Amino acid sequence: MSDLAWVALSLTGRIGLKTLRALLGRFGTAQAVLDADETALREVHGVGKVIAAAIQQINLPQVENLVQQWRKAGVHVLLPEQYPALLRELDDAPPVLFVRGTLTEMRGAAIVGTRAPSPQALDVAQRLSAALVEQDYTIVSGLALGIDAAAHQAAGDSGGISVAVLGSGVLNVYPPEHRQLAAQVAWTGALLSEVRPDAQPSSSALVARNRIISGLSEKVFIVETDDDGGAMHAARFARAQGRALYVLNSAAGGNRALLDNGALPFDNDLRDL
């Protein structure tokens, strides 16, 4: 596989891992995909006129220049075969990951929740993160305000490692007030994203990153969420991926809905995790 050609294909923003694998199955190499004409490309399932046109417009030297710039800024590119095993197994794993820091094989535990937590939930998130670090888990979250930030900070304060999955580029940290926290996470763990390193945050990327958060994790802990909170996406992906889903036994609307639908409860005392 031509790594650069694979990265170039992933950067179109229109081609997921399934389609890339289908293209590779048809043409043999990523470079051969770039060399194919529109008629041949459109014979591949999932490739229509728009995707075929996007492939033919790829400028490989331009992509190489971008990758070199990103590398100088401390960003490296991982291909699927380089992912931690749990993520590598997913059918909808990202075609590439852009990483600041070091992403290695790990035992992941995700901690996610609302951006506006109650004091009780914030305390639980901090203690939960520290307890899981003591069990040699790497904490996985999304660097968002509230629960996510508390989980990352507590992991670092406890001498542990965390991984932050962004809905923006890893060189364009969102929210911006977490740039210092992001640097702390990257120092011992990793910031990662499937979108290009300079990308602005988007609602679609913020939702999609939840499948990576759960995909990297053996266990997913929902600390506090409303019925329509972003953490509900993490819960949905966790179930689809067969991850153990734990939800704090509290009165929050999303928590009650998840618990009523079979999620595993945990209490403030954090026993039996």
C-alpha atoms as a PDB file:
ATOM      1  CA  MET A   1       0.000   0.000   0.000  1.00  0.00           C
ATOM      2  CA  SER A   2       1.225   3.481  -0.801  1.00  0.00           C
ATOM      3  CA  ASP A   3       0.826   5.228   2.552  1.00  0.00           C
ATOM      4  CA  LEU A   4       0.730   8.678   0.966  1.00  0.00           C
ATOM      5  CA  ALA A   5      -1.871   7.655  -1.608  1.00  0.00           C
ATOM      6  CA  TRP A   6      -4.011   6.134   1.165  1.00  0.00           C
ATOM      7  CA  VAL A   7      -3.773   9.346   3.200  1.00  0.00           C
ATOM      8  CA  ALA A   8      -4.644  11.383   0.114  1.00  0.00           C
ATOM      9  CA  LEU A   9      -7.753   9.301  -0.483  1.00  0.00           C
ATOM     10  CA  SER A  10      -8.837   9.663   3.136  1.00  0.00           C
ATOM     11  CA  LEU A  11      -8.416  13.439   2.983  1.00  0.00           C
ATOM     12  CA  THR A  12     -11.155  13.793   0.383  1.00  0.00           C
ATOM     13  CA  GLY A  13     -13.551  13.716   3.342  1.00  0.00           C
ATOM     14  CA  ARG A  14     -15.981  11.586   1.360  1.00  0.00           C
ATOM     15  CA  ILE A  15     -14.426   8.133   1.553  1.00  0.00           C
ATOM     16  CA  GLY A  16     -14.726   5.906   4.610  1.00  0.00           C
ATOM     17  CA  LEU A  17     -12.796   2.769   5.458  1.00  0.00           C
ATOM     18  CA  LYS A  18     -15.331   0.409   3.846  1.00  0.00           C
ATOM     19  CA  THR A  19     -15.160   2.245   0.528  1.00  0.00           C
ATOM     20  CA  LEU A  20     -11.379   2.474   0.691  1.00  0.00           C
ATOM     21  CA  ARG A  21     -11.162  -1.268   1.254  1.00  0.00           C
ATOM     22  CA  ALA A  22     -13.530  -1.860  -1.640  1.00  0.00           C
ATOM     23  CA  LEU A  23     -11.376   0.331  -3.874  1.00  0.00           C
ATOM     24  CA  LEU A  24      -8.262  -1.491  -2.741  1.00  0.00           C
ATOM     25  CA  GLY A  25      -9.931  -4.815  -3.433  1.00  0.00           C
ATOM     26  CA  ARG A  26     -10.747  -3.715  -6.961  1.00  0.00           C
ATOM     27  CA  PHE A  27      -7.486  -1.980  -7.910  1.00  0.00           C
ATOM     28  CA  GLY A  28      -4.901  -3.638  -5.646  1.00  0.00           C
ATOM     29  CA  THR A  29      -3.095  -0.528  -4.362  1.00  0.00           C
ATOM     30  CA  ALA A  30      -4.012   2.976  -3.271  1.00  0.00           C
ATOM     31  CA  GLN A  31      -1.814   4.374  -6.028  1.00  0.00           C
ATOM     32  CA  ALA A  32      -3.724   2.322  -8.607  1.00  0.00           C
ATOM     33  CA  VAL A  33      -6.950   3.868  -7.285  1.00  0.00           C
ATOM     34  CA  LEU A  34      -5.540   7.328  -7.999  1.00  0.00           C
ATOM     35  CA  ASP A  35      -4.548   6.223 -11.502  1.00  0.00           C
ATOM     36  CA  ALA A  36      -7.970   4.760 -12.369  1.00  0.00           C
ATOM     37  CA  ASP A  37     -10.401   6.526 -14.692  1.00  0.00           C
ATOM     38  CA  GLU A  38     -13.913   7.581 -13.703  1.00  0.00           C
ATOM     39  CA  THR A  39     -15.630   4.669 -15.409  1.00  0.00           C
ATOM     40  CA  ALA A  40     -13.545   2.110 -13.548  1.00  0.00           C
ATOM     41  CA  LEU A  41     -13.925   3.927 -10.234  1.00  0.00           C
ATOM     42  CA  ARG A  42     -17.702   4.011 -10.520  1.00  0.00           C
ATOM     43  CA  GLU A  43     -17.803   0.253 -10.935  1.00  0.00           C
ATOM     44  CA  VAL A  44     -16.880  -0.026  -7.246  1.00  0.00           C
ATOM     45  CA  HIS A  45     -19.789  -0.272  -4.819  1.00  0.00           C
ATOM     46  CA  GLY A  46     -20.255   3.011  -2.953  1.00  0.00           C
ATOM     47  CA  VAL A  47     -18.412   5.131  -5.506  1.00  0.00           C
ATOM     48  CA  GLY A  48     -20.595   7.542  -7.452  1.00  0.00           C
ATOM     49  CA  LYS A  49     -19.892  10.533  -9.614  1.00  0.00           C
ATOM     50  CA  VAL A  50     -18.986  12.855  -6.736  1.00  0.00           C
ATOM     51  CA  ILE A  51     -16.505  10.484  -5.090  1.00  0.00           C
ATOM     52  CA  ALA A  52     -14.969   9.525  -8.431  1.00  0.00           C
ATOM     53  CA  ALA A  53     -14.455  13.205  -9.258  1.00  0.00           C
ATOM     54  CA  ALA A  54     -12.918  13.855  -5.835  1.00  0.00           C
ATOM     55  CA  ILE A  55     -10.434  11.013  -6.353  1.00  0.00           C
ATOM     56  CA  GLN A  56      -9.412  12.294  -9.765  1.00  0.00           C
ATOM     57  CA  GLN A  57      -8.819  15.784  -8.379  1.00  0.00           C
ATOM     58  CA  ILE A  58      -6.279  14.576  -5.783  1.00  0.00           C
ATOM     59  CA  ASN A  59      -2.915  16.309  -6.061  1.00  0.00           C
ATOM     60  CA  LEU A  60      -0.413  13.885  -4.526  1.00  0.00           C
ATOM     61  CA  PRO A  61       2.572  16.294  -4.326  1.00  0.00           C
ATOM     62  CA  GLN A  62       0.315  18.787  -2.551  1.00  0.00           C
ATOM     63  CA  VAL A  63      -0.736  16.123  -0.052  1.00  0.00           C
ATOM     64  CA  GLU A  64       2.907  15.161   0.517  1.00  0.00           C
ATOM     65  CA  ASN A  65       3.713  18.798   1.287  1.00  0.00           C
ATOM     66  CA  LEU A  66       0.849  18.980   3.777  1.00  0.00           C
ATOM     67  CA  VAL A  67       1.926  15.788   5.536  1.00  0.00           C
ATOM     68  CA  GLN A  68       5.466  17.149   5.857  1.00  0.00           C
ATOM     69  CA  GLN A  69       4.148  20.414   7.327  1.00  0.00           C
ATOM     70  CA  TRP A  70       2.012  18.527   9.826  1.00  0.00           C
ATOM     71  CA  ARG A  71       4.920  16.299  10.782  1.00  0.00           C
ATOM     72  CA  LYS A  72       7.040  19.374  11.527  1.00  0.00           C
ATOM     73  CA  ALA A  73       4.218  20.600  13.771  1.00  0.00           C
ATOM     74  CA  GLY A  74       4.337  17.356  15.762  1.00  0.00           C
ATOM     75  CA  VAL A  75       1.561  15.433  14.032  1.00  0.00           C
ATOM     76  CA  HIS A  76       2.000  11.924  12.695  1.00  0.00           C
ATOM     77  CA  VAL A  77      -0.393   9.787  10.683  1.00  0.00           C
ATOM     78  CA  LEU A  78      -1.531   6.315  11.681  1.00  0.00           C
ATOM     79  CA  LEU A  79      -3.031   3.844   9.213  1.00  0.00           C
ATOM     80  CA  PRO A  80      -5.580   1.216  10.327  1.00  0.00           C
ATOM     81  CA  GLU A  81      -3.027  -1.572  10.790  1.00  0.00           C
ATOM     82  CA  GLN A  82      -1.254   0.667  13.335  1.00  0.00           C
ATOM     83  CA  TYR A  83      -4.314   1.268  15.535  1.00  0.00           C
ATOM     84  CA  PRO A  84      -4.825  -0.341  18.951  1.00  0.00           C
ATOM     85  CA  ALA A  85      -6.476  -3.732  18.467  1.00  0.00           C
ATOM     86  CA  LEU A  86      -9.976  -2.824  19.675  1.00  0.00           C
ATOM     87  CA  LEU A  87     -10.249   0.096  17.263  1.00  0.00           C
ATOM     88  CA  ARG A  88      -8.675  -1.848  14.416  1.00  0.00           C
ATOM     89  CA  GLU A  89     -11.470  -4.427  14.608  1.00  0.00           C
ATOM     90  CA  LEU A  90     -14.264  -1.941  13.834  1.00  0.00           C
ATOM     91  CA  ASP A  91     -15.894  -1.977  10.402  1.00  0.00           C
ATOM     92  CA  ASP A  92     -16.278   1.801  10.586  1.00  0.00           C
ATOM     93  CA  ALA A  93     -12.859   2.613  12.002  1.00  0.00           C
ATOM     94  CA  PRO A  94     -11.429   5.843  10.583  1.00  0.00           C
ATOM     95  CA  PRO A  95      -9.307   5.414   7.447  1.00  0.00           C
ATOM     96  CA  VAL A  96      -6.520   7.437   9.086  1.00  0.00           C
ATOM     97  CA  LEU A  97      -5.828   8.995  12.468  1.00  0.00           C
ATOM     98  CA  PHE A  98      -3.849  12.182  12.948  1.00  0.00           C
ATOM     99  CA  VAL A  99      -2.013  12.038  16.263  1.00  0.00           C
ATOM    100  CA  ARG A 100      -0.174  14.435  18.569  1.00  0.00           C
ATOM    101  CA  GLY A 101       1.610  12.401  21.189  1.00  0.00           C
ATOM    102  CA  THR A 102       1.815   8.618  21.269  1.00  0.00           C
ATOM    103  CA  LEU A 103      -1.015   6.159  20.699  1.00  0.00           C
ATOM    104  CA  THR A 104      -0.030   2.610  21.619  1.00  0.00           C
ATOM    105  CA  GLU A 105      -1.765  -0.634  22.536  1.00  0.00           C
ATOM    106  CA  MET A 106      -3.729  -0.003  25.709  1.00  0.00           C
ATOM    107  CA  ARG A 107      -6.586  -0.915  28.030  1.00  0.00           C
ATOM    108  CA  GLY A 108      -8.999   1.925  27.408  1.00  0.00           C
ATOM    109  CA  ALA A 109     -11.841   3.131  29.606  1.00  0.00           C
ATOM    110  CA  ALA A 110     -13.994   5.977  28.313  1.00  0.00           C
ATOM    111  CA  ILE A 111     -15.453   8.596  30.644  1.00  0.00           C
ATOM    112  CA  VAL A 112     -17.905  11.029  29.037  1.00  0.00           C
ATOM    113  CA  GLY A 113     -20.781  13.273  29.994  1.00  0.00           C
ATOM    114  CA  THR A 114     -22.367  16.688  29.938  1.00  0.00           C
ATOM    115  CA  ARG A 115     -20.519  19.963  29.449  1.00  0.00           C
ATOM    116  CA  ALA A 116     -22.461  21.447  32.383  1.00  0.00           C
ATOM    117  CA  PRO A 117     -22.260  18.830  35.136  1.00  0.00           C
ATOM    118  CA  SER A 118     -23.642  18.989  38.630  1.00  0.00           C
ATOM    119  CA  PRO A 119     -21.025  19.258  41.402  1.00  0.00           C
ATOM    120  CA  GLN A 120     -21.764  15.646  42.351  1.00  0.00           C
ATOM    121  CA  ALA A 121     -21.183  14.390  38.797  1.00  0.00           C
ATOM    122  CA  LEU A 122     -17.967  16.385  38.487  1.00  0.00           C
ATOM    123  CA  ASP A 123     -16.667  14.813  41.692  1.00  0.00           C
ATOM    124  CA  VAL A 124     -17.622  11.336  40.467  1.00  0.00           C
ATOM    125  CA  ALA A 125     -15.833  11.878  37.149  1.00  0.00           C
ATOM    126  CA  GLN A 126     -12.628  12.878  38.929  1.00  0.00           C
ATOM    127  CA  ARG A 127     -12.688   9.991  41.374  1.00  0.00           C
ATOM    128  CA  LEU A 128     -13.684   7.509  38.666  1.00  0.00           C
ATOM    129  CA  SER A 129     -10.803   8.567  36.457  1.00  0.00           C
ATOM    130  CA  ALA A 130      -8.315   8.213  39.308  1.00  0.00           C
ATOM    131  CA  ALA A 131      -9.723   4.798  40.268  1.00  0.00           C
ATOM    132  CA  LEU A 132      -9.458   3.492  36.702  1.00  0.00           C
ATOM    133  CA  VAL A 133      -5.885   4.780  36.403  1.00  0.00           C
ATOM    134  CA  GLU A 134      -5.066   2.705  39.499  1.00  0.00           C
ATOM    135  CA  GLN A 135      -6.383  -0.310  37.564  1.00  0.00           C
ATOM    136  CA  ASP A 136      -3.972   0.481  34.696  1.00  0.00           C
ATOM    137  CA  TYR A 137      -6.588   1.826  32.317  1.00  0.00           C
ATOM    138  CA  THR A 138      -5.877   4.604  29.863  1.00  0.00           C
ATOM    139  CA  ILE A 139      -8.661   7.192  30.149  1.00  0.00           C
ATOM    140  CA  VAL A 140     -10.379   8.031  26.871  1.00  0.00           C
ATOM    141  CA  SER A 141     -12.579  11.094  26.446  1.00  0.00           C
ATOM    142  CA  GLY A 142     -13.327  14.010  24.154  1.00  0.00           C
ATOM    143  CA  LEU A 143     -11.636  17.036  25.804  1.00  0.00           C
ATOM    144  CA  ALA A 144     -15.002  18.807  26.044  1.00  0.00           C
ATOM    145  CA  LEU A 145     -15.968  21.123  28.873  1.00  0.00           C
ATOM    146  CA  GLY A 146     -17.298  19.537  32.031  1.00  0.00           C
ATOM    147  CA  ILE A 147     -17.046  15.779  32.530  1.00  0.00           C
ATOM    148  CA  ASP A 148     -14.508  15.143  29.755  1.00  0.00           C
ATOM    149  CA  ALA A 149     -12.061  17.754  31.025  1.00  0.00           C
ATOM    150  CA  ALA A 150     -12.408  16.507  34.599  1.00  0.00           C
ATOM    151  CA  ALA A 151     -11.592  12.955  33.479  1.00  0.00           C
ATOM    152  CA  HIS A 152      -8.491  14.020  31.542  1.00  0.00           C
ATOM    153  CA  GLN A 153      -7.234  16.285  34.343  1.00  0.00           C
ATOM    154  CA  ALA A 154      -7.748  13.677  37.061  1.00  0.00           C
ATOM    155  CA  ALA A 155      -5.964  11.027  34.992  1.00  0.00           C
ATOM    156  CA  GLY A 156      -2.921  13.275  34.680  1.00  0.00           C
ATOM    157  CA  ASP A 157      -3.029  14.295  38.328  1.00  0.00           C
ATOM    158  CA  SER A 158      -3.083  10.597  39.268  1.00  0.00           C
ATOM    159  CA  GLY A 159       0.008   9.832  37.208  1.00  0.00           C
ATOM    160  CA  GLY A 160      -1.997   8.127  34.486  1.00  0.00           C
ATOM    161  CA  ILE A 161      -2.365   8.464  30.737  1.00  0.00           C
ATOM    162  CA  SER A 162      -5.333   9.752  28.780  1.00  0.00           C
ATOM    163  CA  VAL A 163      -6.295   9.951  25.131  1.00  0.00           C
ATOM    164  CA  ALA A 164      -8.447  12.790  23.803  1.00  0.00           C
ATOM    165  CA  VAL A 165     -10.463  12.242  20.631  1.00  0.00           C
ATOM    166  CA  LEU A 166     -11.273  15.562  19.000  1.00  0.00           C
ATOM    167  CA  GLY A 167     -14.063  16.729  16.724  1.00  0.00           C
ATOM    168  CA  SER A 168     -11.601  19.208  15.218  1.00  0.00           C
ATOM    169  CA  GLY A 169      -8.049  18.970  13.941  1.00  0.00           C
ATOM    170  CA  VAL A 170      -5.328  18.172  16.460  1.00  0.00           C
ATOM    171  CA  LEU A 171      -3.626  21.475  15.606  1.00  0.00           C
ATOM    172  CA  ASN A 172      -6.875  23.366  16.114  1.00  0.00           C
ATOM    173  CA  VAL A 173      -7.918  22.294  19.609  1.00  0.00           C
ATOM    174  CA  TYR A 174     -11.598  22.684  20.470  1.00  0.00           C
ATOM    175  CA  PRO A 175     -12.662  24.131  22.792  1.00  0.00           C
ATOM    176  CA  PRO A 176      -9.780  26.640  22.595  1.00  0.00           C
ATOM    177  CA  GLU A 177      -9.744  27.179  26.351  1.00  0.00           C
ATOM    178  CA  HIS A 178      -8.491  23.591  26.663  1.00  0.00           C
ATOM    179  CA  ARG A 179      -5.260  24.119  24.714  1.00  0.00           C
ATOM    180  CA  GLN A 180      -3.152  23.801  27.857  1.00  0.00           C
ATOM    181  CA  LEU A 181      -5.020  20.663  28.926  1.00  0.00           C
ATOM    182  CA  ALA A 182      -4.562  19.291  25.397  1.00  0.00           C
ATOM    183  CA  ALA A 183      -0.807  19.853  25.655  1.00  0.00           C
ATOM    184  CA  GLN A 184      -0.760  18.001  28.973  1.00  0.00           C
ATOM    185  CA  VAL A 185      -2.686  15.077  27.485  1.00  0.00           C
ATOM    186  CA  ALA A 186      -0.364  14.888  24.462  1.00  0.00           C
ATOM    187  CA  TRP A 187       2.745  14.948  26.678  1.00  0.00           C
ATOM    188  CA  THR A 188       2.053  11.513  28.163  1.00  0.00           C
ATOM    189  CA  GLY A 189      -0.780  10.228  25.965  1.00  0.00           C
ATOM    190  CA  ALA A 190      -2.297  11.428  22.727  1.00  0.00           C
ATOM    191  CA  LEU A 191      -4.614  13.829  20.986  1.00  0.00           C
ATOM    192  CA  LEU A 192      -6.168  12.246  17.943  1.00  0.00           C
ATOM    193  CA  SER A 193      -8.679  12.991  15.235  1.00  0.00           C
ATOM    194  CA  GLU A 194      -9.822  11.525  11.945  1.00  0.00           C
ATOM    195  CA  VAL A 195     -10.134  14.980  10.347  1.00  0.00           C
ATOM    196  CA  ARG A 196      -7.181  16.894   8.945  1.00  0.00           C
ATOM    197  CA  PRO A 197      -5.026  18.579  11.600  1.00  0.00           C
ATOM    198  CA  ASP A 198      -6.080  22.143  10.731  1.00  0.00           C
ATOM    199  CA  ALA A 199      -9.812  21.372  10.500  1.00  0.00           C
ATOM    200  CA  GLN A 200     -12.416  23.466  12.285  1.00  0.00           C
ATOM    201  CA  PRO A 201     -14.840  21.614  14.603  1.00  0.00           C
ATOM    202  CA  SER A 202     -18.071  20.459  12.992  1.00  0.00           C
ATOM    203  CA  SER A 203     -21.231  18.906  14.378  1.00  0.00           C
ATOM    204  CA  SER A 204     -20.753  15.783  12.248  1.00  0.00           C
ATOM    205  CA  ALA A 205     -17.161  15.288  13.428  1.00  0.00           C
ATOM    206  CA  LEU A 206     -18.140  15.904  17.051  1.00  0.00           C
ATOM    207  CA  VAL A 207     -20.737  13.135  16.793  1.00  0.00           C
ATOM    208  CA  ALA A 208     -18.592  10.728  14.760  1.00  0.00           C
ATOM    209  CA  ARG A 209     -15.653  10.935  17.161  1.00  0.00           C
ATOM    210  CA  ASN A 210     -17.785   9.125  19.756  1.00  0.00           C
ATOM    211  CA  ARG A 211     -17.412   5.849  17.836  1.00  0.00           C
ATOM    212  CA  ILE A 212     -13.638   6.244  18.204  1.00  0.00           C
ATOM    213  CA  ILE A 213     -13.929   7.040  21.914  1.00  0.00           C
ATOM    214  CA  SER A 214     -15.950   3.880  22.527  1.00  0.00           C
ATOM    215  CA  GLY A 215     -13.988   1.930  19.929  1.00  0.00           C
ATOM    216  CA  LEU A 216     -10.733   2.449  21.835  1.00  0.00           C
ATOM    217  CA  SER A 217     -12.305   1.376  25.126  1.00  0.00           C
ATOM    218  CA  GLU A 218     -13.148  -1.867  26.885  1.00  0.00           C
ATOM    219  CA  LYS A 219     -15.621  -0.003  29.080  1.00  0.00           C
ATOM    220  CA  VAL A 220     -17.637   3.180  28.577  1.00  0.00           C
ATOM    221  CA  PHE A 221     -18.791   5.216  31.589  1.00  0.00           C
ATOM    222  CA  ILE A 222     -21.556   7.805  31.222  1.00  0.00           C
ATOM    223  CA  VAL A 223     -21.382  10.072  34.264  1.00  0.00           C
ATOM    224  CA  GLU A 224     -24.195  12.536  33.543  1.00  0.00           C
ATOM    225  CA  THR A 225     -26.201  13.404  30.443  1.00  0.00           C
ATOM    226  CA  ASP A 226     -29.510  14.824  29.315  1.00  0.00           C
ATOM    227  CA  ASP A 227     -31.810  12.874  27.009  1.00  0.00           C
ATOM    228  CA  ASP A 228     -30.349  14.690  24.022  1.00  0.00           C
ATOM    229  CA  GLY A 229     -26.793  15.098  25.326  1.00  0.00           C
ATOM    230  CA  GLY A 230     -23.740  14.299  23.253  1.00  0.00           C
ATOM    231  CA  ALA A 231     -22.836  11.434  25.577  1.00  0.00           C
ATOM    232  CA  MET A 232     -25.899   9.591  24.279  1.00  0.00           C
ATOM    233  CA  HIS A 233     -24.006   9.151  20.998  1.00  0.00           C
ATOM    234  CA  ALA A 234     -21.160   7.491  22.903  1.00  0.00           C
ATOM    235  CA  ALA A 235     -23.669   5.178  24.568  1.00  0.00           C
ATOM    236  CA  ARG A 236     -25.204   4.264  21.209  1.00  0.00           C
ATOM    237  CA  PHE A 237     -21.823   3.454  19.680  1.00  0.00           C
ATOM    238  CA  ALA A 238     -20.759   1.510  22.775  1.00  0.00           C
ATOM    239  CA  ARG A 239     -23.793  -0.743  22.459  1.00  0.00           C
ATOM    240  CA  ALA A 240     -23.323  -1.235  18.728  1.00  0.00           C
ATOM    241  CA  GLN A 241     -19.682  -2.199  19.330  1.00  0.00           C
ATOM    242  CA  GLY A 242     -20.463  -4.567  22.198  1.00  0.00           C
ATOM    243  CA  ARG A 243     -18.657  -2.496  24.814  1.00  0.00           C
ATOM    244  CA  ALA A 244     -19.584  -2.693  28.503  1.00  0.00           C
ATOM    245  CA  LEU A 245     -21.738   0.393  29.145  1.00  0.00           C
ATOM    246  CA  TYR A 246     -21.862   1.795  32.689  1.00  0.00           C
ATOM    247  CA  VAL A 247     -24.105   4.686  33.727  1.00  0.00           C
ATOM    248  CA  LEU A 248     -24.094   6.609  36.999  1.00  0.00           C
ATOM    249  CA  ASN A 249     -27.241   5.899  38.983  1.00  0.00           C
ATOM    250  CA  SER A 250     -28.585   9.453  39.137  1.00  0.00           C
ATOM    251  CA  ALA A 251     -31.693  11.455  38.296  1.00  0.00           C
ATOM    252  CA  ALA A 252     -30.316  12.941  35.061  1.00  0.00           C
ATOM    253  CA  GLY A 253     -32.697  12.347  32.163  1.00  0.00           C
ATOM    254  CA  GLY A 254     -30.243  10.601  29.882  1.00  0.00           C
ATOM    255  CA  ASN A 255     -28.934   8.462  32.730  1.00  0.00           C
ATOM    256  CA  ARG A 256     -32.441   7.273  33.585  1.00  0.00           C
ATOM    257  CA  ALA A 257     -33.200   6.456  29.937  1.00  0.00           C
ATOM    258  CA  LEU A 258     -29.988   4.447  29.536  1.00  0.00           C
ATOM    259  CA  LEU A 259     -30.453   2.587  32.803  1.00  0.00           C
ATOM    260  CA  ASP A 260     -34.061   1.769  31.895  1.00  0.00           C
ATOM    261  CA  ASN A 261     -32.728   0.349  28.643  1.00  0.00           C
ATOM    262  CA  GLY A 262     -30.322  -2.073  30.284  1.00  0.00           C
ATOM    263  CA  ALA A 263     -27.101  -0.128  30.917  1.00  0.00           C
ATOM    264  CA  LEU A 264     -25.055  -1.283  33.908  1.00  0.00           C
ATOM    265  CA  PRO A 265     -25.474   1.032  36.918  1.00  0.00           C
ATOM    266  CA  PHE A 266     -22.669   2.331  39.097  1.00  0.00           C
ATOM    267  CA  ASP A 267     -22.979   4.429  42.234  1.00  0.00           C
ATOM    268  CA  ASN A 268     -21.126   7.341  43.800  1.00  0.00           C
ATOM    269  CA  ASP A 269     -19.020   4.978  45.920  1.00  0.00           C
ATOM    270  CA  LEU A 270     -17.557   3.432  42.728  1.00  0.00           C
ATOM    271  CA  ARG A 271     -17.672  -0.087  44.138  1.00  0.00           C
ATOM    272  CA  ASP A 272     -17.614  -3.146  41.860  1.00  0.00           C
ATOM    273  CA  LEU A 273     -16.386  -1.364  38.757  1.00  0.00           C
END
